[in-house]
Protein backbone atom coordinates (compact mmCIF):
# COMPACT_ATOMS: atom_id res chain seq x y z
CA MET A 1 10.08 -27.42 1.14
CA LYS A 2 8.76 -29.64 -1.55
CA ASP A 3 5.14 -29.14 -0.53
CA PHE A 4 5.56 -25.38 -0.33
CA ALA A 5 7.26 -25.29 -3.69
CA ASP A 6 4.41 -27.29 -5.14
CA LEU A 7 1.96 -24.88 -3.56
CA TRP A 8 3.77 -22.00 -5.15
CA VAL A 9 3.49 -23.57 -8.57
CA ALA A 10 -0.18 -24.29 -8.14
CA LEU A 11 -0.78 -20.71 -7.18
CA ASP A 12 1.23 -19.23 -10.03
CA THR A 13 -0.28 -21.39 -12.72
CA THR A 14 -3.87 -20.42 -12.24
CA THR A 15 -5.90 -17.19 -12.27
CA LYS A 16 -8.97 -18.77 -10.67
CA THR A 17 -9.68 -17.74 -7.13
CA ASN A 18 -11.34 -21.04 -6.02
CA LEU A 19 -8.42 -23.09 -7.24
CA LYS A 20 -5.99 -20.82 -5.32
CA VAL A 21 -8.04 -21.16 -2.19
CA ALA A 22 -8.32 -24.94 -2.62
CA ALA A 23 -4.57 -25.29 -3.08
CA MET A 24 -3.77 -23.33 0.07
CA LYS A 25 -6.42 -25.18 2.03
CA ASP A 26 -4.95 -28.51 0.94
CA TYR A 27 -1.49 -27.29 1.98
CA PHE A 28 -2.68 -26.09 5.50
CA LEU A 29 -4.44 -29.43 6.13
CA ARG A 30 -1.19 -31.30 5.47
CA ALA A 31 1.59 -29.04 6.76
CA ASP A 32 3.11 -29.18 10.20
CA PRO A 33 2.25 -26.18 12.37
CA ALA A 34 5.78 -24.68 12.17
CA SER A 35 5.92 -24.84 8.36
CA ALA A 36 2.21 -23.74 8.05
CA ALA A 37 3.00 -20.69 10.21
CA TRP A 38 5.84 -19.66 7.83
CA ALA A 39 3.63 -20.35 4.85
CA VAL A 40 1.01 -18.00 6.21
CA TRP A 41 3.79 -15.34 6.86
CA PHE A 42 5.05 -15.50 3.34
CA LEU A 43 1.65 -15.84 1.60
CA SER A 44 0.30 -12.87 3.48
CA GLY A 45 3.06 -10.65 2.15
CA ARG A 46 5.47 -10.64 5.05
CA LYS A 47 9.19 -11.55 4.63
CA PRO A 48 12.31 -11.67 6.72
CA ARG A 49 14.98 -9.08 6.02
CA SER A 50 17.21 -10.13 3.23
CA ALA A 51 19.91 -12.45 4.57
CA VAL A 52 22.38 -12.05 1.67
CA THR A 53 22.71 -9.12 -0.71
CA THR A 54 21.73 -9.67 -4.37
CA LYS A 55 25.15 -8.17 -5.24
CA GLN A 56 26.96 -10.97 -3.31
CA MET A 57 24.67 -13.64 -4.78
CA ARG A 58 25.27 -12.43 -8.25
CA MET A 59 29.02 -12.42 -7.75
CA TRP A 60 28.95 -15.86 -6.31
CA VAL A 61 26.99 -17.21 -9.29
CA THR A 62 29.10 -15.58 -11.97
CA GLU A 63 32.32 -16.78 -10.38
CA SER A 64 31.20 -20.33 -9.87
CA LEU A 65 30.01 -20.61 -13.49
CA GLY A 66 32.81 -18.59 -15.04
CA LEU A 67 30.32 -16.06 -16.58
CA SER A 68 31.18 -12.50 -17.51
CA ASP A 69 29.06 -9.69 -16.03
CA TRP A 70 27.69 -8.75 -19.42
CA LEU A 71 26.51 -12.32 -20.22
CA PHE A 72 24.84 -12.63 -16.79
CA GLN A 73 23.11 -9.28 -17.42
CA GLU A 74 21.80 -10.49 -20.80
CA CYS A 75 20.43 -13.61 -19.06
CA TYR A 76 18.89 -11.44 -16.35
CA ASP A 77 17.34 -9.09 -18.96
CA ALA A 78 15.86 -12.01 -20.79
CA VAL A 79 14.34 -13.61 -17.67
CA GLY A 80 13.38 -10.56 -15.83
CA ASP A 81 13.59 -12.05 -12.32
CA LEU A 82 16.84 -12.38 -10.40
CA ALA A 83 15.93 -15.52 -8.38
CA GLU A 84 14.71 -17.29 -11.54
CA THR A 85 17.90 -16.32 -13.36
CA PHE A 86 19.97 -17.91 -10.49
CA THR A 87 17.77 -21.04 -10.68
CA LEU A 88 18.15 -21.45 -14.39
CA LEU A 89 21.90 -20.96 -14.47
CA LEU A 90 22.77 -23.20 -11.46
CA PRO A 91 22.61 -26.95 -11.57
CA ALA A 92 19.82 -28.59 -9.60
CA SER A 93 20.00 -31.59 -7.32
CA ASP A 94 18.72 -34.84 -8.69
CA ASP A 95 18.35 -36.20 -5.14
CA PRO A 96 17.10 -33.18 -3.02
CA VAL A 97 17.38 -33.38 0.73
CA GLU A 98 13.94 -33.66 2.36
CA ARG A 99 13.46 -30.77 4.80
CA SER A 100 10.44 -28.93 5.86
CA LEU A 101 9.84 -25.27 5.04
CA ALA A 102 10.34 -24.38 8.71
CA ASP A 103 13.65 -26.29 8.76
CA TRP A 104 14.96 -24.48 5.75
CA VAL A 105 13.93 -21.01 7.10
CA GLU A 106 14.88 -21.38 10.72
CA ASN A 107 17.98 -23.45 10.44
CA HIS A 108 19.45 -22.47 7.17
CA LEU A 109 17.98 -19.10 6.05
CA LEU A 110 17.82 -16.97 9.10
CA PRO A 111 21.29 -17.99 10.56
CA LEU A 112 22.93 -16.50 7.40
CA ARG A 113 22.58 -12.99 8.78
CA GLY A 114 25.03 -13.54 11.57
CA MET A 115 27.66 -15.27 9.47
CA GLU A 116 30.96 -14.07 7.96
CA GLN A 117 30.80 -13.82 4.24
CA ASP A 118 32.95 -16.99 3.54
CA ARG A 119 30.60 -19.08 5.72
CA GLN A 120 27.57 -17.46 4.04
CA LYS A 121 28.86 -18.45 0.61
CA ALA A 122 29.62 -22.04 1.67
CA ALA A 123 26.10 -22.37 3.29
CA VAL A 124 24.38 -20.90 0.30
CA PHE A 125 26.23 -23.26 -2.11
CA ARG A 126 25.48 -26.21 0.14
CA ALA A 127 21.79 -25.31 0.01
CA TRP A 128 21.85 -25.03 -3.84
CA GLY A 129 23.35 -28.53 -3.89
CA GLU A 130 20.53 -30.06 -1.89
CA LEU A 131 17.50 -28.52 -3.72
CA ASP A 132 15.74 -29.48 -6.91
CA THR A 133 14.79 -26.72 -9.45
CA ARG A 134 11.42 -25.88 -7.85
CA GLN A 135 12.77 -25.78 -4.32
CA GLY A 136 15.88 -23.86 -5.41
CA PHE A 137 13.71 -21.24 -7.03
CA ILE A 138 11.79 -20.79 -3.76
CA TRP A 139 14.97 -20.70 -1.77
CA ASN A 140 16.45 -18.05 -4.03
CA LYS A 141 13.30 -16.03 -3.67
CA LEU A 142 13.33 -16.28 0.12
CA ILE A 143 17.02 -15.53 0.49
CA THR A 144 16.89 -12.36 -1.71
CA GLY A 145 13.70 -11.16 0.01
CA GLY A 146 11.87 -11.13 -3.25
CA PHE A 147 9.15 -13.82 -2.46
CA ARG A 148 5.83 -12.75 -4.01
CA VAL A 149 2.89 -14.74 -5.14
CA GLY A 150 -0.54 -13.81 -6.66
CA VAL A 151 -2.72 -14.21 -3.67
CA SER A 152 -4.18 -11.62 -1.37
CA GLN A 153 -4.43 -11.88 2.46
CA SER A 154 -8.13 -12.25 2.01
CA LEU A 155 -7.65 -15.46 -0.01
CA VAL A 156 -5.16 -16.74 2.55
CA THR A 157 -7.87 -16.01 5.14
CA ARG A 158 -10.47 -17.87 3.28
CA ALA A 159 -8.18 -20.91 2.87
CA LEU A 160 -7.46 -20.99 6.63
CA ALA A 161 -11.08 -20.62 7.47
CA GLN A 162 -12.03 -23.52 5.22
CA ALA A 163 -9.21 -25.60 6.61
CA SER A 164 -10.17 -24.97 10.23
CA GLY A 165 -13.87 -24.26 10.28
CA ILE A 166 -13.14 -20.91 12.06
CA PRO A 167 -15.13 -18.00 10.71
CA ALA A 168 -13.09 -15.96 8.07
CA GLU A 169 -13.65 -12.60 10.07
CA VAL A 170 -12.05 -14.19 13.18
CA VAL A 171 -9.05 -15.53 11.22
CA ALA A 172 -8.75 -12.10 9.48
CA HIS A 173 -8.72 -10.36 12.90
CA ARG A 174 -6.05 -12.70 14.27
CA LEU A 175 -3.81 -12.02 11.30
CA MET A 176 -3.81 -8.28 11.83
CA GLY A 177 -1.08 -6.52 13.67
CA GLU A 178 2.21 -8.01 14.86
CA TRP A 179 2.72 -11.65 15.12
CA SER A 180 5.60 -14.12 14.76
CA PRO A 181 5.38 -17.33 12.64
CA THR A 182 5.70 -19.96 15.30
CA PRO A 183 3.81 -23.18 15.86
CA GLY A 184 2.11 -21.54 18.85
CA PHE A 185 0.85 -18.66 16.82
CA TYR A 186 -0.46 -21.09 14.20
CA THR A 187 -2.24 -23.08 16.82
CA ARG A 188 -3.82 -19.99 18.33
CA LEU A 189 -4.77 -18.76 14.83
CA LEU A 190 -6.98 -21.81 14.24
CA SER A 191 -8.25 -22.10 17.82
CA LYS A 192 -11.88 -22.72 18.31
CA ASP A 193 -11.97 -20.20 21.11
CA THR A 194 -12.80 -16.89 19.41
CA GLY A 195 -12.63 -14.51 22.36
CA ASP A 196 -8.97 -13.84 22.23
CA ALA A 197 -8.56 -10.41 20.60
CA ASP A 198 -5.18 -9.03 21.59
CA ALA A 199 -5.25 -5.53 23.07
CA SER A 200 -3.18 -4.06 20.22
CA GLN A 201 -4.94 -5.82 17.29
CA PRO A 202 -6.74 -3.66 14.77
CA TYR A 203 -9.76 -4.88 12.98
CA PRO A 204 -9.60 -5.81 9.29
CA PHE A 205 -10.39 -2.75 7.27
CA CYS A 206 -13.57 -2.42 5.35
CA LEU A 207 -12.72 -1.25 1.86
CA ALA A 208 -14.75 0.37 -0.94
CA HIS A 209 -14.89 -0.53 -4.67
CA PRO A 210 -14.68 2.27 -7.33
CA LEU A 211 -18.06 3.24 -8.67
CA GLU A 212 -17.96 2.58 -12.43
CA ALA A 213 -21.69 2.53 -13.19
CA GLU A 214 -23.96 5.56 -13.22
CA VAL A 215 -24.59 6.71 -9.68
CA GLU A 216 -28.40 6.65 -10.20
CA THR A 217 -28.15 2.80 -10.49
CA LEU A 218 -27.60 2.79 -6.67
CA GLY A 219 -31.21 3.56 -6.08
CA ASP A 220 -32.74 6.24 -3.84
CA VAL A 221 -30.17 8.80 -2.71
CA SER A 222 -31.80 8.72 0.77
CA GLU A 223 -30.48 5.22 1.40
CA TRP A 224 -26.94 6.40 1.15
CA PHE A 225 -24.53 8.36 3.45
CA ALA A 226 -22.10 10.52 1.56
CA GLU A 227 -18.88 12.00 2.88
CA TRP A 228 -15.61 13.31 1.34
CA LYS A 229 -12.90 10.86 0.29
CA TRP A 230 -10.01 12.18 2.21
CA ASP A 231 -6.54 11.86 0.78
CA GLY A 232 -4.41 10.77 3.82
CA ILE A 233 -3.27 7.66 5.61
CA ARG A 234 -6.08 5.14 6.53
CA SER A 235 -5.69 4.18 10.12
CA GLN A 236 -7.15 2.82 13.26
CA LEU A 237 -6.66 4.43 16.66
CA ILE A 238 -7.06 1.93 19.45
CA ARG A 239 -7.27 2.38 23.24
CA ARG A 240 -7.44 -0.90 25.10
CA SER A 241 -6.09 -1.96 28.48
CA SER A 242 -5.07 1.71 29.04
CA ARG A 243 -2.63 1.62 26.17
CA VAL A 244 -2.78 3.40 22.75
CA PHE A 245 -2.06 1.95 19.38
CA LEU A 246 -2.16 3.62 16.02
CA TRP A 247 -2.19 1.23 12.98
CA SER A 248 -1.97 2.15 9.32
CA ARG A 249 -3.96 0.14 6.79
CA GLY A 250 -0.68 -1.41 5.72
CA GLU A 251 -0.58 -3.05 9.18
CA GLU A 252 2.30 -0.90 10.39
CA LEU A 253 2.31 0.35 13.92
CA VAL A 254 2.90 4.14 13.63
CA THR A 255 2.00 5.38 17.08
CA ASP A 256 5.46 6.92 17.82
CA ARG A 257 5.43 8.90 14.48
CA TYR A 258 2.33 10.84 15.44
CA PRO A 259 2.69 11.86 19.05
CA GLU A 260 -0.25 14.31 18.90
CA LEU A 261 -2.51 11.39 17.93
CA GLU A 262 -0.99 9.15 20.64
CA ALA A 263 -1.99 11.95 23.11
CA LEU A 264 -5.49 12.00 21.58
CA GLY A 265 -5.66 8.22 22.13
CA GLU A 266 -4.89 8.79 25.87
CA ALA A 267 -7.99 10.95 25.99
CA ILE A 268 -10.57 8.63 24.44
CA PRO A 269 -12.35 6.02 26.57
CA ASP A 270 -10.71 2.61 27.16
CA GLY A 271 -12.11 -0.01 24.80
CA THR A 272 -12.51 2.36 21.84
CA VAL A 273 -11.35 1.84 18.22
CA LEU A 274 -11.74 4.55 15.63
CA ASP A 275 -11.51 4.10 11.83
CA ALA A 276 -10.11 7.28 10.51
CA GLU A 277 -7.69 9.10 8.17
CA ILE A 278 -4.46 10.82 9.24
CA LEU A 279 -4.38 14.24 7.47
CA PRO A 280 -2.00 17.09 7.35
CA TRP A 281 -3.99 20.07 8.88
CA PHE A 282 -3.08 23.77 9.07
CA ASP A 283 -5.17 26.84 9.93
CA GLY A 284 -8.40 24.68 10.03
CA ARG A 285 -7.77 23.42 6.51
CA VAL A 286 -6.72 20.02 5.17
CA GLN A 287 -3.46 20.14 3.17
CA PRO A 288 -2.16 18.12 0.13
CA PHE A 289 -0.93 14.57 0.72
CA ALA A 290 2.52 15.65 -0.56
CA LEU A 291 3.01 17.57 2.68
CA LEU A 292 2.20 14.50 4.79
CA GLN A 293 4.90 12.57 2.94
CA LYS A 294 7.55 14.56 4.78
CA ARG A 295 6.45 12.79 8.05
CA ILE A 296 5.88 9.35 6.55
CA GLY A 297 8.76 7.03 7.35
CA ARG A 298 10.26 9.27 10.11
CA LYS A 299 11.08 7.17 13.14
CA VAL A 300 11.62 10.36 15.14
CA VAL A 301 9.42 13.40 14.76
CA GLY A 302 11.11 16.58 16.04
CA LYS A 303 9.48 19.72 17.41
CA LYS A 304 10.13 21.65 14.18
CA LEU A 305 8.35 19.05 12.07
CA LEU A 306 5.43 18.90 14.50
CA GLU A 307 5.09 22.58 14.21
CA GLU A 308 5.42 22.79 10.46
CA ILE A 309 3.28 19.72 9.55
CA PRO A 310 0.50 19.15 12.22
CA VAL A 311 -1.87 16.37 11.63
CA VAL A 312 -5.40 15.49 12.72
CA LEU A 313 -7.38 12.35 12.75
CA MET A 314 -10.43 12.55 10.52
CA ALA A 315 -12.80 10.04 12.09
CA TYR A 316 -15.52 8.34 10.04
CA ASP A 317 -16.41 5.18 11.89
CA LEU A 318 -16.55 3.79 15.41
CA LEU A 319 -15.69 0.01 15.54
CA GLU A 320 -15.50 -0.54 19.24
CA LEU A 321 -16.83 1.32 22.26
CA ALA A 322 -16.52 0.29 25.88
CA GLY A 323 -14.96 -2.98 24.65
CA VAL A 324 -18.07 -3.85 22.56
CA ASP A 325 -17.53 -4.68 18.87
CA LEU A 326 -19.92 -2.37 16.92
CA ARG A 327 -19.09 -3.72 13.43
CA ASN A 328 -22.42 -5.58 12.96
CA ARG A 329 -24.44 -2.51 13.89
CA PRO A 330 -25.79 -0.41 11.06
CA LEU A 331 -23.57 2.41 9.83
CA ILE A 332 -26.07 5.13 10.97
CA GLU A 333 -25.96 3.77 14.53
CA ARG A 334 -22.15 3.78 14.54
CA ARG A 335 -22.13 7.32 13.19
CA ILE A 336 -24.39 8.54 15.90
CA ALA A 337 -22.22 6.92 18.58
CA LEU A 338 -19.07 8.46 16.91
CA ALA A 339 -20.62 11.91 16.75
CA ASN A 340 -21.46 11.69 20.43
CA LEU A 341 -17.86 10.62 21.36
CA VAL A 342 -16.35 13.41 19.30
CA ALA A 343 -18.79 16.03 20.90
CA GLU A 344 -17.84 14.78 24.33
CA LEU A 345 -14.09 15.12 23.62
CA GLU A 346 -14.61 18.59 22.34
CA THR A 347 -16.08 19.72 25.66
CA ARG A 348 -12.78 18.84 27.46
CA PRO A 349 -10.05 21.36 28.04
CA ALA A 350 -7.90 21.02 24.94
CA ASN A 351 -4.49 21.26 26.66
CA SER A 352 -5.35 18.25 28.83
CA LEU A 353 -5.35 16.07 25.84
CA PHE A 354 -1.55 16.37 25.44
CA ALA A 355 -0.40 15.82 28.99
CA LEU A 356 0.99 12.35 28.66
CA PRO A 357 2.35 10.73 31.87
CA GLY A 358 6.14 11.03 31.86
CA LYS A 359 6.28 12.81 28.48
CA ALA A 360 6.73 16.37 27.25
CA SER A 361 3.69 17.98 25.61
CA ALA A 362 3.10 16.37 22.19
CA VAL A 363 2.22 19.69 20.57
CA PRO A 364 3.88 23.12 21.35
CA SER A 365 1.56 24.96 23.64
CA SER A 366 1.24 28.46 25.12
CA PRO A 367 -0.72 29.56 28.30
CA ALA A 368 -2.33 32.24 26.13
CA LYS A 369 -3.55 29.93 23.36
CA THR A 370 -5.89 26.97 23.54
CA LEU A 371 -4.77 24.07 21.47
CA PRO A 372 -7.12 22.65 18.83
CA LEU A 373 -8.41 19.13 19.23
CA PRO A 374 -6.48 16.87 16.74
CA LEU A 375 -9.69 15.03 15.95
CA ARG A 376 -12.42 15.86 13.42
CA LEU A 377 -15.65 14.11 12.59
CA SER A 378 -15.77 13.48 8.88
CA PRO A 379 -18.92 15.50 7.94
CA GLU A 380 -21.86 14.10 6.03
CA VAL A 381 -22.35 15.71 2.62
CA PRO A 382 -26.10 16.27 2.58
CA ALA A 383 -28.16 16.02 -0.57
CA THR A 384 -31.76 15.40 -1.65
CA SER A 385 -30.86 14.09 -5.06
CA TRP A 386 -27.95 12.56 -6.97
CA GLU A 387 -27.72 15.80 -8.96
CA ASP A 388 -27.01 17.58 -5.63
CA LEU A 389 -24.22 15.15 -4.82
CA SER A 390 -22.80 15.36 -8.30
CA ARG A 391 -22.48 19.14 -8.00
CA GLU A 392 -20.77 18.68 -4.66
CA ARG A 393 -18.45 16.05 -6.15
CA ASP A 394 -17.42 18.57 -8.91
CA GLN A 395 -16.02 20.72 -6.05
CA SER A 396 -13.59 18.01 -4.81
CA ARG A 397 -10.41 19.42 -6.10
CA PHE A 398 -11.19 22.87 -4.70
CA ARG A 399 -11.57 21.09 -1.33
CA SER A 400 -8.41 18.98 -1.67
CA VAL A 401 -10.32 15.74 -1.61
CA GLU A 402 -10.46 12.91 -4.16
CA GLY A 403 -14.30 12.80 -4.54
CA LEU A 404 -17.00 11.26 -2.43
CA MET A 405 -17.55 8.03 -0.45
CA LEU A 406 -21.05 6.50 -0.65
CA LYS A 407 -21.98 4.19 2.12
CA ARG A 408 -25.30 2.38 2.57
CA ARG A 409 -26.81 3.70 5.78
CA THR A 410 -27.83 0.18 6.94
CA SER A 411 -24.44 -1.35 6.06
CA THR A 412 -22.32 -3.25 8.60
CA TYR A 413 -18.54 -2.92 8.82
CA ARG A 414 -17.40 -5.96 6.65
CA VAL A 415 -14.00 -7.46 6.16
CA GLY A 416 -12.06 -6.52 3.03
CA ARG A 417 -13.32 -5.10 -0.25
CA VAL A 418 -16.94 -6.37 -0.62
CA ARG A 419 -19.21 -5.02 -3.39
CA GLY A 420 -22.59 -3.50 -2.70
CA ASP A 421 -22.38 -1.33 0.38
CA TRP A 422 -19.47 1.00 0.06
CA TRP A 423 -18.39 2.82 -3.08
CA LYS A 424 -15.67 5.41 -3.81
CA TRP A 425 -16.98 7.96 -6.42
CA LYS A 426 -13.79 9.75 -7.33
CA VAL A 427 -13.46 12.75 -9.60
CA GLN A 428 -11.91 12.32 -13.04
CA PRO A 429 -8.11 12.29 -12.91
CA PHE A 430 -5.82 15.20 -14.02
CA THR A 431 -4.47 14.48 -17.54
CA PHE A 432 -1.69 15.61 -19.82
CA ASP A 433 -0.29 14.46 -23.14
CA GLY A 434 3.43 13.30 -22.80
CA VAL A 435 6.05 12.03 -25.19
CA LEU A 436 7.72 8.66 -24.55
CA ILE A 437 11.48 9.57 -24.08
CA TYR A 438 12.85 6.46 -22.12
CA ALA A 439 11.99 2.86 -21.86
CA GLN A 440 13.27 -0.27 -20.12
CA ARG A 441 12.18 -3.83 -19.79
CA GLY A 442 9.59 -4.93 -17.33
CA SER A 443 9.78 -7.85 -14.85
CA GLY A 444 8.15 -11.19 -14.51
CA ARG A 445 5.99 -11.93 -17.53
CA ARG A 446 6.99 -8.70 -19.14
CA ALA A 447 10.75 -9.31 -18.80
CA SER A 448 11.13 -9.63 -22.61
CA LEU A 449 9.20 -6.41 -23.38
CA TYR A 450 10.01 -2.77 -23.04
CA SER A 451 7.05 -1.93 -20.94
CA ASP A 452 8.18 0.60 -18.41
CA TYR A 453 8.06 4.07 -19.74
CA THR A 454 9.21 7.67 -18.87
CA PHE A 455 7.24 10.56 -20.49
CA GLY A 456 8.33 14.13 -21.01
CA VAL A 457 6.65 17.47 -21.71
CA TRP A 458 7.90 20.59 -23.37
CA ASP A 459 9.83 23.18 -21.30
CA GLY A 460 10.77 25.73 -23.85
CA ASP A 461 12.23 23.90 -26.81
CA ARG A 462 13.30 20.77 -24.78
CA LEU A 463 11.52 17.74 -23.44
CA VAL A 464 11.83 17.19 -19.62
CA PRO A 465 10.84 14.02 -17.88
CA ILE A 466 7.78 14.38 -15.76
CA ALA A 467 6.42 10.90 -15.01
CA LYS A 468 6.85 7.18 -15.20
CA ALA A 469 4.06 4.81 -16.12
CA TYR A 470 3.80 1.06 -16.34
CA SER A 471 0.12 0.36 -16.91
CA GLY A 472 -2.76 1.21 -19.29
CA LEU A 473 -1.72 -0.24 -22.57
CA THR A 474 -3.24 -3.49 -24.05
CA ASP A 475 -0.88 -6.41 -24.68
CA GLU A 476 -1.05 -5.67 -28.40
CA GLU A 477 -0.28 -2.02 -27.84
CA MET A 478 2.66 -2.97 -25.59
CA LYS A 479 4.11 -5.30 -28.25
CA ARG A 480 3.88 -2.25 -30.73
CA VAL A 481 5.67 0.02 -28.38
CA ASP A 482 8.29 -2.61 -27.79
CA ALA A 483 8.99 -2.88 -31.54
CA PHE A 484 9.19 0.88 -31.79
CA VAL A 485 11.70 1.11 -28.90
CA ARG A 486 13.99 -1.53 -30.39
CA LYS A 487 14.00 0.14 -33.86
CA ASN A 488 14.25 3.74 -32.54
CA THR A 489 16.81 3.56 -29.69
CA LEU A 490 19.20 6.66 -29.60
CA GLU A 491 21.25 5.75 -26.55
CA THR A 492 21.45 3.11 -23.80
CA PHE A 493 22.21 3.70 -20.11
CA GLY A 494 22.34 0.36 -18.45
CA PRO A 495 18.87 -1.13 -18.73
CA VAL A 496 17.29 2.17 -19.95
CA ARG A 497 17.00 3.16 -23.59
CA THR A 498 16.55 6.73 -24.78
CA VAL A 499 14.19 6.66 -27.80
CA GLU A 500 13.23 8.84 -30.72
CA PRO A 501 10.55 11.15 -29.17
CA GLU A 502 7.63 10.30 -31.39
CA LEU A 503 5.04 8.42 -29.43
CA VAL A 504 2.39 10.60 -27.63
CA MET A 505 0.22 9.16 -24.89
CA GLU A 506 -2.41 10.68 -22.54
CA LEU A 507 -1.61 10.09 -18.97
CA GLY A 508 -3.88 10.43 -15.90
CA PHE A 509 -2.82 11.14 -12.38
CA GLU A 510 -4.40 11.95 -9.00
CA GLY A 511 -2.31 14.72 -7.44
CA ILE A 512 0.41 17.20 -8.17
CA ALA A 513 3.08 18.93 -6.07
CA ARG A 514 6.28 20.82 -6.34
CA SER A 515 9.46 18.65 -6.16
CA THR A 516 13.06 19.42 -6.02
CA ARG A 517 13.94 15.82 -6.91
CA HIS A 518 12.47 15.86 -10.40
CA LYS A 519 13.99 17.78 -13.38
CA SER A 520 10.65 19.16 -14.18
CA GLY A 521 10.22 20.46 -10.68
CA ILE A 522 6.85 18.63 -10.60
CA ALA A 523 5.82 15.38 -9.05
CA VAL A 524 2.55 13.71 -10.05
CA ARG A 525 0.77 11.00 -7.97
CA PHE A 526 -0.32 7.66 -9.34
CA PRO A 527 0.46 8.25 -13.12
CA ARG A 528 -0.88 5.76 -15.58
CA ILE A 529 -1.46 5.68 -19.36
CA LEU A 530 -5.09 6.43 -20.34
CA ARG A 531 -4.72 6.08 -24.16
CA TRP A 532 -2.19 6.24 -26.98
CA ARG A 533 -2.69 9.46 -28.92
CA THR A 534 -1.92 8.21 -32.43
CA ASP A 535 -3.60 11.39 -33.58
CA LYS A 536 -0.87 13.64 -32.07
CA THR A 537 2.75 14.28 -32.90
CA MET A 538 5.48 15.24 -30.46
CA GLN A 539 4.84 18.97 -31.10
CA ASP A 540 1.34 18.39 -29.72
CA ALA A 541 2.46 17.23 -26.30
CA ASP A 542 1.61 19.44 -23.25
CA ARG A 543 3.94 22.22 -22.01
CA LEU A 544 5.27 22.35 -18.51
CA GLU A 545 3.75 25.62 -17.72
CA ASN A 546 0.31 24.12 -18.54
CA ILE A 547 0.88 21.34 -15.91
CA GLU A 548 2.24 23.90 -13.40
CA ALA A 549 -1.07 25.65 -13.72
CA MET A 550 -2.73 22.66 -12.09
CA LEU A 551 -0.71 23.16 -8.88
CA PRO A 552 -2.70 24.32 -5.87
CA LYS A 553 -2.10 27.99 -4.90
CA ALA A 554 0.59 28.74 -2.42
CA GLY A 555 -0.27 29.46 1.30
CA GLY A 556 0.84 28.62 4.70
CA PRO A 557 4.34 28.25 6.27
CA GLU A 558 7.02 26.17 4.63
CA SER A 559 4.64 24.98 1.85
CA GLU A 560 4.17 25.70 -1.83
CA ASN A 561 0.93 23.81 -2.21
CA ARG A 562 -1.46 24.38 0.73
CA ALA A 563 -4.55 25.59 -1.29
CA GLY A 564 -7.89 24.12 -2.17
CA SER A 565 -8.79 22.96 1.34
CA VAL A 566 -11.85 22.54 3.37
CA PRO A 567 -12.76 25.25 5.93
CA GLU A 568 -12.90 23.93 9.48
CA SER A 569 -16.55 24.71 9.72
CA GLU A 570 -17.41 22.31 6.91
């Protein structure tokens, strides 16, 4: 555990990418396979289910130290991190017990789940008595399920590649999908034999950077392939070894949640991997993402939901065909192969796509009606100049898309977010001016500042909350807002302060939908602060009816926001 705790400190105390990679590489070279496997698991963002509730942990700490709840809360508010608060309050061992990370996790952390509460408490206190401050902090992070560290999976991949000499793209592929942190997995992860792709494993996704420069700086428009930037769930549909797997970009296996797409997977040739977007689709038109959210997270999708919110797979790349990895082929070649595949599928009887062996039809069918294919080829947006593309981009909201994707025609399918070949050219965000009405302290380095804000707009003669935002201000501006909050608090509700409604800020957001869960009746997507409007007073803030006017027009069954979509022919 000491080596892993030292690694965490090394990662947390630098912002330099090369130093982070070097620290992880050094750890992997020294760690035993069992501990290294758990380190990869935690560093790549995975974590075991919380073994002990934070409520129990807090009660044990306050009881053992004789602290009142209000005093603990003051400590927590000042620190901003529960695990760190526990660590600072509890005494550390001057003679910590030497155990590996794997030992602590497998023999002390995981067994807590099956224990009675009294035995749990004794085991946790015993662990606290055997760890120094650094190790105790990591233990508290792991036990509460709150372990996070400032490294991406791509950096972990780089470190493993440097430690093993295995190409980074091979390591990245092996880290995709489901795996368990065992010594055997770690050994296979760094194996020199690179022909071991598991049937279910997706490929690492190729990601685009936002285009911040003028589009003309990309050169000749003819070198670029343009398509709409769809607002759905990025995914890969895989058919290998006569089995179907549907993975989200978050590395979640979601096959069972989209039975119509599982049926589609049964129809595509074995040894095929599609890179695509799951989209809500009705009457030949794409629908707002808010509609798709009703299906996200559902473990079981009933017939009613399938009928009300059908989905399609909007395919824009072909990564594997007949078991051959196509990622190093130029984009234009992959697109031709993809178009041929989609055309071939469209010639088949549609109802045959949904006849899964031993299963009911995935989509309601009728003998008198031919079912549409739940697969679309993401169309190219043709243009002879950047001006043409700019005009098309201006129509994005009418089409319920976020803008354009620009991909170099000769580009290969690379791992991760790499500059130069793929760009997302999004439309400018929706905006409104809101009044700061609630504030609470942040977490981590912002634990001592009021940095989490709720904004309201006018509904008649009252302000109603419409959005929360946590980013967009400079450090200096945040300090000024913090001072304002402390001097102008009207009421407190737990950690939340109601403040004098004076500060006006311009907020940007990407999407808007009706919502019965919000007092305003509106939910906005990805809100963030664009600028502090020191030139405006609270009376100048936007009115709710102005924001409601941004809602898509109504249309379609069971939906209040199905407008602005793309006709199927486009």
